[in-house]
Amino acid sequence: QVQLVESGGGLVQAGGSLRLSCAASGRTFSSYVMGWFRQAPGKEREFVAAISWSGGSTYYADSVKGRFTISRDNAKNTEYLQMNSLKPEDTAVYYCAADDFILGGSYYTMSSSYDYWGQGTQVTVSS
């Protein structure tokens, strides 16, 4: 079992930056694939970024590529999402997700691939 707690959300102006954190419980954090998803009002949950257990592979949605960076610190059981050049369309609730086995490739981008989810943190970008 893994419990995930996000933090770092808030209100920021367009062009600004935020760093989200996801603290995970459990001794096997380093073996989990970690991801970030987001859900805007009236929209479906969508993939943002994912990182392999080692941190050696990362995946990004086209909409955030070049602006967001996912990383992890296995010694601290924590995953991060550095968000730069934020846009109003980035406004959403951001969710941390984890799973101990994902086939790879496009499966990293599918919410159904992840068994564990945080409660979400609100990010609001004003224009």
Protein backbone atom coordinates (compact mmCIF):
# COMPACT_ATOMS: atom_id res chain seq x y z
CA GLN A 1 0.00 0.00 0.00
CA VAL A 2 1.13 3.51 -0.79
CA GLN A 3 -0.39 6.72 0.50
CA LEU A 4 0.22 9.90 -1.45
CA VAL A 5 -0.09 13.49 -0.24
CA GLU A 6 0.30 16.41 -2.62
CA SER A 7 1.31 19.94 -1.66
CA GLY A 8 2.51 23.12 -3.31
CA GLY A 9 -0.57 24.21 -5.19
CA GLY A 10 -1.85 27.77 -5.13
CA LEU A 11 -2.67 30.89 -7.10
CA VAL A 12 -0.09 32.29 -9.51
CA GLN A 13 -0.09 34.78 -12.34
CA ALA A 14 0.43 33.68 -15.92
CA GLY A 15 4.11 33.24 -16.63
CA GLY A 16 4.86 32.32 -13.04
CA SER A 17 6.09 29.11 -11.50
CA LEU A 18 5.03 26.57 -8.91
CA ARG A 19 6.56 23.37 -7.61
CA LEU A 20 4.26 20.57 -6.58
CA SER A 21 5.41 17.85 -4.23
CA CYS A 22 4.00 14.41 -3.60
CA ALA A 23 5.07 12.70 -0.41
CA ALA A 24 4.64 8.94 -0.38
CA SER A 25 4.45 6.52 2.50
CA GLY A 26 5.78 3.01 2.31
CA ARG A 27 9.19 1.43 2.09
CA THR A 28 8.98 0.55 -1.59
CA PHE A 29 8.59 4.03 -3.03
CA SER A 30 11.75 3.62 -5.06
CA SER A 31 10.18 0.75 -7.01
CA TYR A 32 7.05 2.66 -8.03
CA VAL A 33 6.33 4.46 -11.25
CA MET A 34 5.07 7.94 -10.39
CA GLY A 35 2.86 10.26 -12.37
CA TRP A 36 0.99 13.54 -12.34
CA PHE A 37 -2.48 14.03 -13.75
CA ARG A 38 -4.78 17.03 -13.71
CA GLN A 39 -8.48 17.70 -13.98
CA ALA A 40 -10.02 21.03 -14.89
CA PRO A 41 -13.68 21.82 -14.14
CA GLY A 42 -15.97 20.08 -16.58
CA LYS A 43 -13.13 18.14 -18.17
CA GLU A 44 -11.79 14.63 -17.88
CA ARG A 45 -8.65 13.84 -15.95
CA GLU A 46 -5.63 14.12 -18.21
CA PHE A 47 -2.05 12.96 -18.12
CA VAL A 48 0.64 15.54 -17.33
CA ALA A 49 3.91 13.71 -16.66
CA ALA A 50 5.36 10.43 -15.44
CA ILE A 51 8.71 9.14 -14.24
CA SER A 52 10.14 5.65 -14.02
CA TRP A 53 11.19 4.08 -10.73
CA SER A 54 14.81 5.02 -11.28
CA GLY A 55 14.10 8.47 -12.67
CA GLY A 56 15.87 7.48 -15.85
CA SER A 57 12.80 7.82 -18.05
CA THR A 58 10.32 10.67 -18.10
CA TYR A 59 7.20 11.29 -20.13
CA TYR A 60 5.27 14.49 -20.73
CA ALA A 61 2.03 15.59 -22.29
CA ASP A 62 2.63 17.73 -25.36
CA SER A 63 0.83 20.62 -23.67
CA VAL A 64 3.44 20.86 -20.89
CA LYS A 65 6.60 19.69 -22.63
CA GLY A 66 9.38 22.24 -22.22
CA ARG A 67 7.58 24.00 -19.35
CA PHE A 68 7.12 21.28 -16.70
CA THR A 69 9.76 19.00 -15.21
CA ILE A 70 9.03 15.85 -13.24
CA SER A 71 11.60 14.48 -10.82
CA ARG A 72 11.87 12.25 -7.78
CA ASP A 73 14.01 11.83 -4.70
CA ASN A 74 13.81 8.21 -3.63
CA ALA A 75 15.70 8.93 -0.42
CA LYS A 76 12.94 11.34 0.60
CA ASN A 77 10.04 9.30 -0.83
CA THR A 78 8.98 12.39 -2.73
CA GLU A 79 8.04 13.22 -6.30
CA TYR A 80 8.08 16.74 -7.71
CA LEU A 81 6.54 18.66 -10.58
CA GLN A 82 8.28 21.93 -11.39
CA MET A 83 5.90 24.07 -13.42
CA ASN A 84 7.27 27.10 -15.25
CA SER A 85 5.73 29.56 -17.71
CA LEU A 86 2.30 28.73 -16.36
CA LYS A 87 -0.75 29.50 -18.47
CA PRO A 88 -4.39 30.00 -17.48
CA GLU A 89 -5.18 26.71 -19.23
CA ASP A 90 -2.97 24.94 -16.68
CA THR A 91 -5.58 25.70 -14.03
CA ALA A 92 -6.77 22.39 -12.58
CA VAL A 93 -6.62 20.07 -9.62
CA TYR A 94 -3.33 18.20 -9.87
CA TYR A 95 -3.15 14.60 -8.70
CA CYS A 96 -0.16 12.48 -7.85
CA ALA A 97 -0.36 8.82 -8.88
CA ALA A 98 1.72 5.70 -8.33
CA ASP A 99 1.90 2.07 -9.37
CA ASP A 100 4.40 -0.71 -8.83
CA PHE A 101 4.25 -1.98 -12.41
CA ILE A 102 3.42 -0.26 -15.67
CA LEU A 103 4.23 -1.87 -19.00
CA GLY A 104 5.81 1.26 -20.37
CA GLY A 105 5.35 3.56 -23.30
CA SER A 106 1.82 4.82 -23.70
CA TYR A 107 0.69 2.96 -20.56
CA TYR A 108 2.45 5.60 -18.47
CA THR A 109 -0.03 8.18 -19.78
CA MET A 110 -3.17 6.20 -18.88
CA SER A 111 -4.86 6.93 -15.56
CA SER A 112 -6.12 3.34 -15.44
CA SER A 113 -2.49 2.17 -15.14
CA TYR A 114 -2.14 3.67 -11.67
CA ASP A 115 -3.56 2.07 -8.52
CA TYR A 116 -2.70 4.76 -5.99
CA TRP A 117 -3.82 8.38 -5.99
CA GLY A 118 -3.43 11.45 -3.83
CA GLN A 119 -6.25 13.76 -2.85
CA GLY A 120 -5.20 16.49 -5.27
CA THR A 121 -3.96 20.05 -4.97
CA GLN A 122 -5.49 23.07 -6.68
CA VAL A 123 -3.44 25.12 -9.12
CA THR A 124 -4.98 28.35 -10.36
CA VAL A 125 -3.27 30.51 -12.97
CA SER A 126 -4.67 33.99 -13.45
CA SER A 127 -4.36 35.90 -16.69
